[in-house]
Amino acid sequence: MAMTGAHWSGRGRWLIIAGLFGAALVYGDGIITPAISVLSAVEGLNVATEVFKPYTMPIAVLILLALFAAQSRGTATVGRAFGPVMLLWFVTMGLLGAVNIAAHPQVLAALDPIHGIKLLTMHAGLGFTLLGGVFLAVTGGEALYADMGHVGRTPIRLAWYGLVLPALILNYAGQVAHMIAQPDLQANLFFSLAPPWALYPLVVLATLATIIASQAIITGSFSMTRQAMQLGWFPGLWISQTSADQYGQIYVPFVNWTMAALTLVLTASFGSSDRLAGAYGTAVSTTMVLTTFLLVRVMTVRWHWSVLKSLAVAGPLLFVDVAFFGANLLKIAEGGWIPLSFGLLVFLIMTTWHYGVTAIRRRNTAHAESPSEFLHRLEEEKIARVSGTGVFFTRLGKGMPPIIVNHVTQTHSLFETVIALTVSFEAVPRIRQLDRIRSDKLGEGIWHVNVHFGFVEIPDLPTVISQARHEGLPAWERPTYYVERVDAVSRPKRPLLSKWRVALFALMSRNSAHAVDRFRIPISRLVEIGRRIEL
């Protein structure tokens, strides 16, 4: 199996590092977003009565546990309610703010950015510190750009400018107006906007909205995991397709329960959204800075903009991103280190896996035989050709892979039809059917077949291979699939990787998903072969 990856050299190396670390930080954000969102919603109960105060955190834990436990059932059915609930949520937010603005309309003057600029210039220290707090108001904006690839620019713009932005402006301005009217208010400012009779319904609506927001980051983590796996940056994990109609409806148990455990620990440890706010924002602000750097690369390389034009557009964005990033660094000691540390751990896992796979590919290339040498050995040693078809998975694009060479050495036989199969995941979402299969005849009854998938496609190898006869391959029935299970160990002299990275790679390799799970291969026709490789 081969995965398409970029070259780690020169400027491209740093671009890859920036992209990978930004992607890894999504997991760090993913363990905090559900915790702070659900906690803040449940805390609305404390505005109505002090009775629920000791139970706020346990209630939040139960809601989060139910949320993660429900992932295995899929979200297609519940997803149909997401749109109406969020529409009701933003309309409610806007109305609550508008009612309070009516009493103090002067708060709308805050929309003039001059006031913010004056604060930052006249009180630089205070203004810079405040950026870390107000950043919570813009987190979630990155989700708009993440979803743009799914639903397009026009729906995003309509939803943002037509509903979300007006609702947020009205609500935040309404909170300021309410604070002016009641400067000594100690209760949760947002829930204080609602009249007493609407408080409990508002808590329920807020909880539903936060569950939907949490669902979005969990689903995004699942999707990113699969894409990282198929691009060769993550070990194989078992994935369940929870919907036959919607590709994005998947469930990754390992990711789900790892995030669940960490989210529940954070919720129980911090206990309130105010305390957890210190840990929130560092991952998102770091991701925004990295994204803007990558945007400059896209502008100059893909869009063919001049450097001056690219900097003119990206420069102001980068200035804002760096300001927010610096302000959020002040919250490192308050918990900001948590998502950054978790993101760094995921980054190390991704790079270690990629380094290990690349090292194994190099070792296999060094020990591969040329087709002519292999065919000559078959004749010289009079290797028997037995009936049937053997499909041997290999990461090599050329040469006779060691798995076939070793099979002949051990069994002194070879199938009449032999397929050296390379599965390549390309850096594009989907592959055209005409470009799916490429095949080369290496010798009598021996073929190398390269099957290409896009990084968002579900690889169904039996179906694809059954269609391979259109490429000139002979028809066959019930092939036997051979897969290598590598046991990586560190070389005594001049190791390709440091010992701890070899140990980490070996651990991931031993526990990675089987080809049966990843490629829909019938288990009754799969043979796994163990081989120790020194890295």
Protein backbone atom coordinates (compact mmCIF):
# COMPACT_ATOMS: atom_id res chain seq x y z
CA MET A 1 0.00 0.00 0.00
CA ALA A 2 1.44 3.35 -0.96
CA MET A 3 0.44 6.73 0.29
CA THR A 4 1.15 9.93 -1.58
CA GLY A 5 3.12 12.43 0.49
CA ALA A 6 5.02 15.61 -0.11
CA HIS A 7 8.80 15.89 -0.13
CA TRP A 8 10.44 16.99 3.08
CA SER A 9 12.98 19.40 1.71
CA GLY A 10 13.67 23.12 1.70
CA ARG A 11 10.76 25.50 1.94
CA GLY A 12 8.28 22.67 1.35
CA ARG A 13 9.37 21.07 4.61
CA TRP A 14 8.25 24.06 6.65
CA LEU A 15 4.98 24.33 4.76
CA ILE A 16 4.23 20.68 5.53
CA ILE A 17 5.14 21.19 9.20
CA ALA A 18 2.86 24.22 9.39
CA GLY A 19 -0.02 22.35 7.76
CA LEU A 20 0.42 19.25 9.90
CA PHE A 21 0.70 21.14 13.17
CA GLY A 22 -2.35 23.23 12.27
CA ALA A 23 -4.29 20.05 11.55
CA ALA A 24 -3.06 18.46 14.79
CA LEU A 25 -4.28 21.48 16.77
CA VAL A 26 -7.82 20.72 15.61
CA TYR A 27 -7.72 17.74 17.97
CA GLY A 28 -6.57 20.01 20.78
CA ASP A 29 -9.44 22.36 20.06
CA GLY A 30 -11.75 19.36 19.80
CA ILE A 31 -11.27 18.28 23.41
CA ILE A 32 -11.96 21.76 24.81
CA THR A 33 -14.83 22.96 22.61
CA PRO A 34 -17.37 20.38 23.86
CA ALA A 35 -16.33 20.91 27.48
CA ILE A 36 -16.59 24.71 27.56
CA SER A 37 -19.67 24.81 25.33
CA VAL A 38 -21.79 22.37 27.33
CA LEU A 39 -20.60 23.77 30.66
CA SER A 40 -21.55 27.32 29.67
CA ALA A 41 -25.01 26.18 28.56
CA VAL A 42 -25.77 24.18 31.70
CA GLU A 43 -24.56 27.06 33.89
CA GLY A 44 -27.66 28.94 32.79
CA LEU A 45 -29.54 26.93 35.39
CA ASN A 46 -27.66 28.83 38.10
CA VAL A 47 -29.34 32.06 37.01
CA ALA A 48 -32.76 30.63 37.84
CA THR A 49 -31.84 28.98 41.12
CA GLU A 50 -28.84 28.07 43.26
CA VAL A 51 -30.19 24.54 43.67
CA PHE A 52 -28.43 23.28 40.52
CA LYS A 53 -25.04 24.88 41.26
CA PRO A 54 -23.43 21.78 42.85
CA TYR A 55 -24.74 19.65 39.98
CA THR A 56 -23.68 21.83 37.02
CA MET A 57 -20.49 19.93 36.35
CA PRO A 58 -22.01 16.41 36.79
CA ILE A 59 -24.88 17.34 34.46
CA ALA A 60 -22.39 18.58 31.85
CA VAL A 61 -20.38 15.34 32.20
CA LEU A 62 -23.49 13.23 31.64
CA ILE A 63 -24.47 15.24 28.55
CA LEU A 64 -20.97 14.92 27.10
CA LEU A 65 -20.82 11.20 27.86
CA ALA A 66 -24.15 10.70 26.08
CA LEU A 67 -22.91 12.79 23.14
CA PHE A 68 -19.77 10.70 22.61
CA ALA A 69 -21.62 7.42 23.22
CA ALA A 70 -24.14 8.32 20.51
CA GLN A 71 -21.46 8.75 17.84
CA SER A 72 -21.45 5.06 16.91
CA ARG A 73 -25.09 5.33 15.83
CA GLY A 74 -24.34 8.10 13.36
CA THR A 75 -25.83 11.56 13.16
CA ALA A 76 -27.80 11.40 9.91
CA THR A 77 -31.18 11.29 11.65
CA VAL A 78 -30.34 13.85 14.32
CA GLY A 79 -28.60 15.98 11.68
CA ARG A 80 -31.91 16.87 10.07
CA ALA A 81 -32.80 18.87 13.19
CA PHE A 82 -29.49 20.78 13.23
CA GLY A 83 -30.62 23.48 10.78
CA PRO A 84 -33.94 24.35 12.46
CA VAL A 85 -32.39 24.31 15.94
CA MET A 86 -29.54 26.61 14.95
CA LEU A 87 -31.96 28.93 13.11
CA LEU A 88 -34.08 29.18 16.26
CA TRP A 89 -30.93 29.68 18.35
CA PHE A 90 -29.61 32.66 16.37
CA VAL A 91 -33.04 34.27 16.03
CA THR A 92 -33.48 33.96 19.80
CA MET A 93 -30.04 35.46 20.44
CA GLY A 94 -30.84 38.40 18.19
CA LEU A 95 -34.22 39.08 19.77
CA LEU A 96 -32.84 38.94 23.31
CA GLY A 97 -30.17 41.46 22.38
CA ALA A 98 -32.52 43.76 20.47
CA VAL A 99 -34.92 44.06 23.42
CA ASN A 100 -32.12 45.29 25.68
CA ILE A 101 -30.60 47.57 23.05
CA ALA A 102 -33.89 49.44 22.84
CA ALA A 103 -33.29 50.80 26.35
CA HIS A 104 -29.68 51.90 25.63
CA PRO A 105 -29.23 52.30 21.86
CA GLN A 106 -25.97 54.18 22.38
CA VAL A 107 -24.16 50.84 22.74
CA LEU A 108 -24.31 50.45 18.95
CA ALA A 109 -21.58 53.12 18.76
CA ALA A 110 -19.21 50.30 19.72
CA LEU A 111 -19.48 49.06 16.13
CA ASP A 112 -17.18 51.93 15.15
CA PRO A 113 -13.68 50.35 15.09
CA ILE A 114 -12.13 53.68 16.08
CA HIS A 115 -13.03 52.95 19.71
CA GLY A 116 -11.14 49.68 19.65
CA ILE A 117 -8.15 51.26 17.95
CA LYS A 118 -8.04 54.01 20.59
CA LEU A 119 -8.13 51.43 23.37
CA LEU A 120 -5.24 49.50 21.84
CA THR A 121 -3.12 52.60 21.21
CA MET A 122 -3.84 54.56 24.40
CA HIS A 123 -3.83 51.55 26.74
CA ALA A 124 -1.61 49.10 24.88
CA GLY A 125 -0.99 46.73 27.78
CA LEU A 126 -4.62 46.50 28.85
CA GLY A 127 -5.86 46.33 25.27
CA PHE A 128 -3.46 43.53 24.41
CA THR A 129 -4.57 41.53 27.45
CA LEU A 130 -8.22 42.05 26.56
CA LEU A 131 -7.63 40.54 23.12
CA GLY A 132 -7.20 37.16 24.78
CA GLY A 133 -10.65 37.48 26.33
CA VAL A 134 -12.54 38.86 23.34
CA PHE A 135 -10.98 36.16 21.17
CA LEU A 136 -13.65 33.82 22.51
CA ALA A 137 -16.12 35.86 20.49
CA VAL A 138 -14.44 35.01 17.19
CA THR A 139 -13.59 31.35 17.76
CA GLY A 140 -15.82 29.30 15.56
CA GLY A 141 -15.20 31.61 12.63
CA GLU A 142 -12.66 29.11 11.32
CA ALA A 143 -15.48 26.56 11.08
CA LEU A 144 -17.08 28.70 8.38
CA TYR A 145 -14.05 28.22 6.18
CA ALA A 146 -13.79 24.53 7.05
CA ASP A 147 -17.41 24.06 5.93
CA MET A 148 -16.97 26.13 2.79
CA GLY A 149 -15.62 23.11 0.95
CA HIS A 150 -18.76 21.16 1.80
CA VAL A 151 -21.54 23.66 1.08
CA GLY A 152 -19.87 26.34 -1.05
CA ARG A 153 -19.18 30.05 -0.61
CA THR A 154 -22.66 31.38 -1.40
CA PRO A 155 -24.54 29.51 1.39
CA ILE A 156 -21.81 30.46 3.87
CA ARG A 157 -22.05 34.13 2.94
CA LEU A 158 -25.85 34.14 3.06
CA ALA A 159 -25.92 32.43 6.46
CA TRP A 160 -23.19 34.67 7.89
CA TYR A 161 -24.33 38.07 6.69
CA GLY A 162 -28.03 37.30 6.72
CA LEU A 163 -28.36 35.60 10.11
CA VAL A 164 -25.30 34.78 12.20
CA LEU A 165 -23.44 38.12 12.16
CA PRO A 166 -26.55 40.27 12.84
CA ALA A 167 -27.62 37.92 15.66
CA LEU A 168 -24.19 38.03 17.29
CA ILE A 169 -23.92 41.83 17.02
CA LEU A 170 -27.38 42.30 18.51
CA ASN A 171 -26.72 39.86 21.33
CA TYR A 172 -23.30 41.22 22.32
CA ALA A 173 -24.58 44.79 22.14
CA GLY A 174 -27.61 43.74 24.17
CA GLN A 175 -25.37 42.27 26.85
CA VAL A 176 -23.49 45.58 27.10
CA ALA A 177 -26.79 47.47 27.34
CA HIS A 178 -27.97 45.10 30.06
CA MET A 179 -24.73 45.63 31.97
CA ILE A 180 -25.22 49.41 31.76
CA ALA A 181 -28.72 49.01 33.18
CA GLN A 182 -27.52 46.67 35.96
CA PRO A 183 -23.82 47.40 36.62
CA ASP A 184 -23.76 45.26 39.79
CA LEU A 185 -25.07 42.14 38.05
CA GLN A 186 -23.22 39.01 39.21
CA ALA A 187 -25.17 36.34 37.32
CA ASN A 188 -24.35 34.95 33.87
CA LEU A 189 -24.78 37.95 31.58
CA PHE A 190 -26.17 36.06 28.57
CA PHE A 191 -28.90 34.21 30.45
CA SER A 192 -29.77 37.37 32.38
CA LEU A 193 -31.05 38.84 29.10
CA ALA A 194 -34.01 36.44 29.17
CA PRO A 195 -37.18 37.07 31.21
CA PRO A 196 -37.68 34.58 34.10
CA TRP A 197 -40.36 32.57 32.26
CA ALA A 198 -38.02 31.94 29.30
CA LEU A 199 -34.94 30.93 31.28
CA TYR A 200 -35.42 27.15 31.34
CA PRO A 201 -36.40 26.93 27.63
CA LEU A 202 -33.33 29.06 26.84
CA VAL A 203 -31.07 26.67 28.78
CA VAL A 204 -32.50 23.74 26.80
CA LEU A 205 -32.01 25.59 23.50
CA ALA A 206 -28.47 26.64 24.45
CA THR A 207 -27.63 23.06 25.40
CA LEU A 208 -28.92 21.77 22.06
CA ALA A 209 -26.92 24.43 20.21
CA THR A 210 -23.73 23.55 22.09
CA ILE A 211 -24.28 19.85 21.41
CA ILE A 212 -24.54 20.67 17.69
CA ALA A 213 -21.37 22.77 17.88
CA SER A 214 -19.60 19.92 19.70
CA GLN A 215 -20.89 17.45 17.14
CA ALA A 216 -19.36 19.54 14.37
CA ILE A 217 -15.85 19.42 15.89
CA ILE A 218 -16.15 15.68 16.63
CA THR A 219 -17.28 14.91 13.08
CA GLY A 220 -14.49 17.13 11.75
CA SER A 221 -11.95 15.15 13.78
CA PHE A 222 -13.27 11.89 12.31
CA SER A 223 -13.07 13.24 8.77
CA MET A 224 -9.57 14.64 9.23
CA THR A 225 -8.39 11.33 10.72
CA ARG A 226 -9.52 9.38 7.67
CA GLN A 227 -7.91 11.85 5.28
CA ALA A 228 -4.65 11.81 7.27
CA MET A 229 -4.68 8.00 7.20
CA GLN A 230 -5.16 7.86 3.47
CA LEU A 231 -2.47 10.43 2.80
CA GLY A 232 0.00 8.41 4.87
CA TRP A 233 0.19 10.67 7.93
CA PHE A 234 -1.72 8.53 10.41
CA PRO A 235 -1.75 4.80 11.26
CA GLY A 236 -4.67 2.75 10.07
CA LEU A 237 -7.67 2.95 12.41
CA TRP A 238 -10.95 1.07 12.27
CA ILE A 239 -13.63 3.24 10.65
CA SER A 240 -17.35 2.59 10.53
CA GLN A 241 -19.51 4.15 7.81
CA THR A 242 -22.69 5.08 9.69
CA SER A 243 -24.66 6.15 6.62
CA ALA A 244 -24.97 4.46 3.24
CA ASP A 245 -25.99 7.74 1.59
CA GLN A 246 -23.69 10.35 3.13
CA TYR A 247 -19.94 9.90 2.83
CA GLY A 248 -19.15 12.21 5.75
CA GLN A 249 -21.14 10.12 8.23
CA ILE A 250 -18.35 8.03 9.76
CA TYR A 251 -17.34 6.84 13.21
CA VAL A 252 -13.76 6.31 14.41
CA PRO A 253 -13.94 4.57 17.82
CA PHE A 254 -10.33 5.23 18.89
CA VAL A 255 -10.54 8.95 18.14
CA ASN A 256 -14.01 9.21 19.66
CA TRP A 257 -13.20 7.65 23.00
CA THR A 258 -9.78 9.29 23.29
CA MET A 259 -11.41 12.69 22.82
CA ALA A 260 -14.23 11.66 25.17
CA ALA A 261 -11.83 10.70 27.97
CA LEU A 262 -9.83 13.92 27.70
CA THR A 263 -12.95 16.11 27.39
CA LEU A 264 -14.53 14.54 30.49
CA VAL A 265 -11.28 14.95 32.45
CA LEU A 266 -11.13 18.64 31.49
CA THR A 267 -14.78 19.17 32.39
CA ALA A 268 -14.40 17.53 35.79
CA SER A 269 -11.06 19.21 36.52
CA PHE A 270 -11.99 22.80 35.65
CA GLY A 271 -15.63 22.56 36.72
CA SER A 272 -16.79 25.85 35.14
CA SER A 273 -16.67 27.58 31.78
CA ASP A 274 -14.95 30.64 33.30
CA ARG A 275 -12.01 28.56 34.51
CA LEU A 276 -11.87 26.62 31.25
CA ALA A 277 -11.87 29.84 29.21
CA GLY A 278 -8.18 30.23 30.01
CA ALA A 279 -7.41 27.02 28.16
CA TYR A 280 -9.57 27.95 25.19
CA GLY A 281 -8.31 29.93 22.25
CA THR A 282 -4.61 29.06 22.12
CA ALA A 283 -5.12 26.19 19.65
CA VAL A 284 -7.51 28.17 17.44
CA SER A 285 -5.32 31.30 17.35
CA THR A 286 -2.27 29.20 16.47
CA THR A 287 -4.20 27.48 13.69
CA MET A 288 -5.29 30.86 12.30
CA VAL A 289 -1.69 32.10 12.09
CA LEU A 290 -0.55 28.92 10.35
CA THR A 291 -3.51 29.06 7.95
CA THR A 292 -2.66 32.62 6.92
CA PHE A 293 0.96 31.64 6.25
CA LEU A 294 -0.26 28.81 4.04
CA LEU A 295 -2.67 31.21 2.33
CA VAL A 296 0.27 33.31 1.12
CA ARG A 297 1.75 30.16 -0.44
CA VAL A 298 -1.52 29.38 -2.20
CA MET A 299 -1.77 32.95 -3.50
CA THR A 300 1.73 32.94 -4.99
CA VAL A 301 1.94 29.34 -6.26
CA ARG A 302 -1.61 28.30 -7.10
CA TRP A 303 -3.23 31.64 -7.93
CA HIS A 304 -0.02 33.07 -9.44
CA TRP A 305 -0.35 36.37 -7.56
CA SER A 306 2.69 38.57 -7.13
CA VAL A 307 4.35 38.61 -3.74
CA LEU A 308 3.37 42.25 -3.27
CA LYS A 309 -0.30 41.58 -4.02
CA SER A 310 -0.31 38.51 -1.76
CA LEU A 311 1.18 40.41 1.16
CA ALA A 312 -1.21 43.32 0.61
CA VAL A 313 -4.17 40.96 1.11
CA ALA A 314 -2.71 38.56 3.68
CA GLY A 315 -0.72 41.17 5.62
CA PRO A 316 -3.66 42.73 7.49
CA LEU A 317 -5.06 39.25 8.21
CA LEU A 318 -1.70 38.12 9.53
CA PHE A 319 -1.42 41.26 11.72
CA VAL A 320 -4.77 40.46 13.37
CA ASP A 321 -3.96 36.75 13.69
CA VAL A 322 -0.57 37.39 15.29
CA ALA A 323 -2.11 39.91 17.71
CA PHE A 324 -4.69 37.35 18.84
CA PHE A 325 -2.02 34.63 18.96
CA GLY A 326 0.23 36.75 21.19
CA ALA A 327 -2.65 37.66 23.50
CA ASN A 328 -3.63 34.01 23.87
CA LEU A 329 -0.07 33.08 24.80
CA LEU A 330 -0.69 34.98 28.05
CA LYS A 331 -3.16 32.22 28.93
CA ILE A 332 -0.63 29.38 28.64
CA ALA A 333 -0.29 28.98 32.42
CA GLU A 334 -4.08 29.10 32.90
CA GLY A 335 -4.58 25.98 30.80
CA GLY A 336 -3.64 27.12 27.31
CA TRP A 337 -0.84 24.54 27.37
CA ILE A 338 -3.39 21.71 27.29
CA PRO A 339 -4.59 21.94 23.66
CA LEU A 340 -1.11 22.91 22.48
CA SER A 341 0.44 19.88 24.20
CA PHE A 342 -2.20 17.54 22.84
CA GLY A 343 -1.75 19.02 19.37
CA LEU A 344 2.02 18.53 19.64
CA LEU A 345 1.48 14.88 20.63
CA VAL A 346 -0.73 14.29 17.60
CA PHE A 347 1.87 16.06 15.42
CA LEU A 348 4.61 13.72 16.71
CA ILE A 349 2.40 10.70 16.00
CA MET A 350 1.69 11.89 12.45
CA THR A 351 5.32 12.64 11.59
CA THR A 352 6.63 9.46 13.24
CA TRP A 353 4.20 7.34 11.25
CA HIS A 354 5.17 9.08 8.00
CA TYR A 355 8.89 8.74 8.74
CA GLY A 356 8.45 5.05 9.59
CA VAL A 357 6.46 4.23 6.46
CA THR A 358 9.00 6.08 4.31
CA ALA A 359 11.90 4.23 5.96
CA ILE A 360 10.24 0.86 5.35
CA ARG A 361 9.63 1.77 1.71
CA ARG A 362 13.33 2.59 1.32
CA ARG A 363 14.33 -0.71 2.91
CA ASN A 364 11.98 -2.64 0.66
CA THR A 365 13.31 -0.82 -2.39
CA ALA A 366 16.85 -1.79 -1.41
CA HIS A 367 15.88 -5.47 -1.09
CA ALA A 368 13.61 -5.67 -4.12
CA GLU A 369 14.59 -7.73 -7.18
CA SER A 370 14.19 -6.52 -10.71
CA PRO A 371 11.49 -8.37 -12.71
CA SER A 372 14.12 -9.87 -15.03
CA GLU A 373 16.16 -11.22 -12.08
CA PHE A 374 13.06 -12.66 -10.47
CA LEU A 375 11.85 -14.37 -13.66
CA HIS A 376 15.31 -15.78 -14.28
CA ARG A 377 15.33 -17.25 -10.77
CA LEU A 378 11.91 -18.83 -11.33
CA GLU A 379 13.26 -20.68 -14.36
CA GLU A 380 16.61 -21.55 -12.83
CA GLU A 381 15.13 -22.95 -9.61
CA LYS A 382 12.20 -24.54 -11.47
CA ILE A 383 9.61 -22.89 -9.22
CA ALA A 384 6.22 -24.59 -9.58
CA ARG A 385 3.27 -22.44 -10.70
CA VAL A 386 0.11 -23.49 -8.88
CA SER A 387 -3.45 -22.70 -9.90
CA GLY A 388 -5.14 -19.65 -8.44
CA THR A 389 -4.50 -15.95 -8.01
CA GLY A 390 -2.38 -14.27 -5.36
CA VAL A 391 -2.73 -10.56 -4.68
CA PHE A 392 0.31 -9.23 -2.77
CA PHE A 393 0.08 -5.77 -1.22
CA THR A 394 3.19 -3.68 -1.68
CA ARG A 395 4.23 -0.05 -1.26
CA LEU A 396 6.72 -0.33 -4.11
CA GLY A 397 5.85 1.18 -7.44
CA LYS A 398 8.61 -0.66 -9.31
CA GLY A 399 10.53 -3.89 -8.96
CA MET A 400 9.54 -7.22 -7.50
CA PRO A 401 8.51 -6.58 -3.88
CA PRO A 402 10.14 -8.56 -1.05
CA ILE A 403 6.78 -10.05 0.00
CA ILE A 404 6.60 -11.98 -3.31
CA VAL A 405 10.31 -12.84 -3.28
CA ASN A 406 10.06 -14.19 0.28
CA HIS A 407 6.89 -16.12 -0.56
CA VAL A 408 8.71 -17.94 -3.36
CA THR A 409 11.74 -18.57 -1.14
CA GLN A 410 9.61 -20.09 1.64
CA THR A 411 7.10 -22.09 -0.40
CA HIS A 412 9.10 -22.84 -3.58
CA SER A 413 5.92 -22.15 -5.54
CA LEU A 414 4.02 -19.28 -7.10
CA PHE A 415 0.46 -18.74 -8.26
CA GLU A 416 -0.31 -18.87 -11.97
CA THR A 417 -1.60 -15.31 -11.68
CA VAL A 418 0.31 -12.93 -9.42
CA ILE A 419 -0.72 -9.35 -8.74
CA ALA A 420 1.67 -6.94 -7.00
CA LEU A 421 -0.93 -4.46 -5.77
CA THR A 422 -0.13 -0.90 -4.78
CA VAL A 423 -2.91 1.25 -3.31
CA SER A 424 -2.15 4.94 -3.76
CA PHE A 425 -4.10 7.70 -2.06
CA GLU A 426 -3.62 10.91 -3.99
CA ALA A 427 -3.76 14.51 -2.76
CA VAL A 428 -7.08 15.13 -4.52
CA PRO A 429 -10.54 14.33 -3.12
CA ARG A 430 -11.66 11.88 -5.82
CA ILE A 431 -10.16 10.02 -8.76
CA ARG A 432 -11.89 9.69 -12.12
CA GLN A 433 -12.92 6.14 -12.97
CA LEU A 434 -10.72 6.20 -16.07
CA ASP A 435 -7.70 6.96 -13.88
CA ARG A 436 -8.54 4.41 -11.18
CA ILE A 437 -6.30 1.54 -12.32
CA ARG A 438 -2.89 1.40 -13.96
CA SER A 439 -1.31 -1.97 -14.74
CA ASP A 440 1.99 -3.26 -16.12
CA LYS A 441 2.80 -6.83 -17.14
CA LEU A 442 6.06 -7.89 -15.52
CA GLY A 443 6.23 -11.44 -16.83
CA GLU A 444 4.19 -14.51 -17.64
CA GLY A 445 1.12 -14.25 -15.38
CA ILE A 446 2.77 -11.55 -13.21
CA TRP A 447 1.36 -8.03 -13.07
CA HIS A 448 1.87 -4.86 -11.15
CA VAL A 449 -1.43 -3.06 -10.54
CA ASN A 450 -1.64 0.42 -9.06
CA VAL A 451 -5.09 1.37 -7.77
CA HIS A 452 -5.63 5.08 -7.15
CA PHE A 453 -8.10 6.60 -4.69
CA GLY A 454 -8.77 10.18 -3.67
CA PHE A 455 -8.16 11.01 -0.03
CA VAL A 456 -11.90 11.21 0.74
CA GLU A 457 -12.92 8.00 -1.05
CA ILE A 458 -13.85 4.70 0.57
CA PRO A 459 -11.48 2.03 -0.80
CA ASP A 460 -13.37 -1.11 -1.83
CA LEU A 461 -10.61 -3.25 -3.31
CA PRO A 462 -12.55 -6.42 -4.22
CA THR A 463 -14.95 -4.36 -6.33
CA VAL A 464 -12.14 -2.41 -8.01
CA ILE A 465 -10.06 -5.52 -8.69
CA SER A 466 -13.05 -7.31 -10.18
CA GLN A 467 -13.19 -4.48 -12.72
CA ALA A 468 -9.48 -4.75 -13.52
CA ARG A 469 -10.08 -7.09 -16.46
CA HIS A 470 -10.93 -3.98 -18.47
CA GLU A 471 -7.27 -3.07 -18.12
CA GLY A 472 -6.22 -6.22 -19.96
CA LEU A 473 -5.79 -8.41 -16.89
CA PRO A 474 -7.08 -11.98 -17.00
CA ALA A 475 -10.34 -12.74 -15.22
CA TRP A 476 -10.02 -14.63 -11.96
CA GLU A 477 -12.21 -15.96 -9.18
CA ARG A 478 -11.69 -15.73 -5.42
CA PRO A 479 -8.10 -14.39 -5.21
CA THR A 480 -6.04 -14.82 -2.05
CA TYR A 481 -4.76 -11.56 -0.54
CA TYR A 482 -1.33 -11.40 1.12
CA VAL A 483 -0.46 -8.54 3.50
CA GLU A 484 2.74 -7.95 5.42
CA ARG A 485 2.59 -7.14 9.13
CA VAL A 486 5.87 -5.38 9.90
CA ASP A 487 7.67 -5.62 13.25
CA ALA A 488 9.98 -2.60 13.30
CA VAL A 489 13.09 -2.62 15.48
CA SER A 490 15.95 -0.16 15.81
CA ARG A 491 19.18 -0.93 13.97
CA PRO A 492 22.27 -1.35 16.21
CA LYS A 493 24.34 0.92 13.97
CA ARG A 494 23.27 4.09 12.17
CA PRO A 495 19.52 3.76 12.78
CA LEU A 496 17.21 5.49 10.31
CA LEU A 497 15.08 6.79 13.20
CA SER A 498 15.81 7.45 16.87
CA LYS A 499 15.04 4.54 19.16
CA TRP A 500 12.02 6.15 20.80
CA ARG A 501 10.48 6.92 17.40
CA VAL A 502 11.06 3.36 16.20
CA ALA A 503 9.38 2.09 19.38
CA LEU A 504 6.44 4.46 18.85
CA PHE A 505 6.13 3.46 15.19
CA ALA A 506 6.28 -0.24 16.10
CA LEU A 507 3.52 0.25 18.68
CA MET A 508 1.30 2.02 16.14
CA SER A 509 2.07 -0.57 13.46
CA ARG A 510 1.14 -3.50 15.71
CA ASN A 511 -2.16 -1.87 16.66
CA SER A 512 -3.13 -0.37 13.31
CA ALA A 513 -6.25 -1.53 11.50
CA HIS A 514 -6.07 -4.66 9.38
CA ALA A 515 -6.41 -4.53 5.63
CA VAL A 516 -9.71 -6.39 6.11
CA ASP A 517 -11.15 -3.36 7.87
CA ARG A 518 -9.61 -0.69 5.68
CA PHE A 519 -10.16 -2.16 2.23
CA ARG A 520 -13.21 -4.42 2.65
CA ILE A 521 -11.26 -7.59 1.98
CA PRO A 522 -13.05 -10.85 2.90
CA ILE A 523 -11.30 -12.18 5.99
CA SER A 524 -11.55 -15.75 4.72
CA ARG A 525 -9.24 -14.85 1.82
CA LEU A 526 -6.61 -12.84 3.69
CA VAL A 527 -3.16 -14.12 4.69
CA GLU A 528 -0.95 -11.98 6.93
CA ILE A 529 2.81 -12.48 6.85
CA GLY A 530 5.02 -11.19 9.64
CA ARG A 531 8.44 -9.68 8.89
CA ARG A 532 10.96 -7.92 11.11
CA ILE A 533 12.62 -4.82 9.64
CA GLU A 534 15.47 -2.84 11.17
CA LEU A 535 15.04 0.93 10.86
